[in-house]
Amino acid sequence: MRLLHTSDWHLGHTLYDVSREAEHGAFLEWLLDTLEANAVDALLVAGDIFDTANPGAEAQAAWYQFVAKARRRLPRLDVVVIGGNHDSAARLDAPDPLFAALGVRVVGGLSRAGGALELERLLVPLHDAKGHVGAWVAAVPYLRPSDLPPVADDAGDRLVEGVRAVYSQVLEEARRRRRPGQALVAMGHCYMTGTELSVLSERKILGGNQHALPVELFPEDVAYVALGHLHKAQRVGGREGVRYSGSPVPLSLAEAGYRHQVLLVELEEEALGRVEALPVPRRADMLRVPARDALPLEEVLALLEALPAWDADVPEWRRPYLEVCVSLPRPEPSLRQKVEKALEGRAARLVKLTPAYTGTGGALADARPGLSLKERTPEDVFRARYARDYEEPPSEPLLEAFHTLLTQVQEESR
């Protein structure tokens, strides 16, 4: 049977106040086409459907529309979704009666009855093209510290061992239910050891990323583990069947170089057959000028003016996001205006302007060390602060303006 693994949609996300709604809409349409073209039996979404716990109406509408379209186009498709650390567990679980009627399993948060895990919600049978159960999924959502059972004081890291205990219980019940020829699959939204994370767009979870979970959490009889949280697609611990699918769109400028994808997983009875990465088309590119480091303003402006002209027939939301990095040996009060003028008519939209200061970067104490603050004149302090950012000395007009302000302050304080 065939599974498709994706995660970290972050519907409702904005990049420097620019809405990603159109990009997410394009991805969801592509995902529907991909599910149909590859005759997928089950869709696994490993958390972070939404970007925030209180998503806007547009983000919620995109989610519900996707579920409705998937059910119309692919009536036999099994859909299993778990909550992530960005999601509100209660919000994801609220439509459960409706989703259950549609044959969609959403596990927003871990639930207990009388202190015991509600295993019925966490265990989901997956059906092949003939309607037979081909696999069982242990659908464990993002686990908060309050979700974890108590462990013995000498058991090691309380959080890691608590997560291990939850998975052990759910997987053991899955083993009890499955029959020969049926694969064991697990889902999780967590941070695993030996992985790379995008610090600009991923929140630390559980007790912080120092509480990384070991890959041994998933025994070898688990054919595939569909993970979410890390936005960079990657294997865990060198195991082909323990994977982060990564986010389908870059969620920060630092993720521009990631290969955003979904994973097509083929199971051969109880074992993993193969995993194929399906690249997600990039609808709006991300640019950095210059491509590396920073350059003086004059060189940056020349590079911006050389960017391709914008085609008015292309939708605004497809204009590339642009970060501009400028080396500043002196203050440039009109920096943004000069950059925006150079971009007029160009195929890019400025979302981040990053100045790279060329000064010493040192503290006040590094300038003429040994002198106390009382022994320094206001001009000494001003020059030291200026030298921290700029390699050129302050101009005479700037010094004159500083002394004018200093005189006014001194006179007002008398």
Foldseek 3Di string as FASTA:
>chain_A
DKEWFAEQQAQQADALNHHCLVVSLVLLVVVLVVCVVVVHQEYEYFANLHNAQDHDPSSVVSVVVSLVVSCVVPVRYEYEYEYAPRYDLCVQCVCVVVCVVSNYQYRDAFDDDPNHTPLVSQWDFTAHPVRHGAAIEREHHEDAPVNFDADDPPPPDRQQVRVLVVLVVNQVVRVVPDDFLHAYEYGYEFAAPPDDADVVRADADHVGNVSHHYPVSDPPLHAAYRYHGGQAWDAGPPDQRYIYQHHLADSYLVCLPGQHFMWMWDAGRHHTDHIDTDGRDHQAHEEEVPNDDAEALVVSLVVLLPAAFDDPVDDPSNQHEYEYEHEDQDDDPCSVVSNVVSNVRHRYDYSYYHYQFDAPLDDLCVPPHPDDPVRDDPVSSVQSVRRNGHVDGDDPVVVVVVVVVVVVVVVVVD
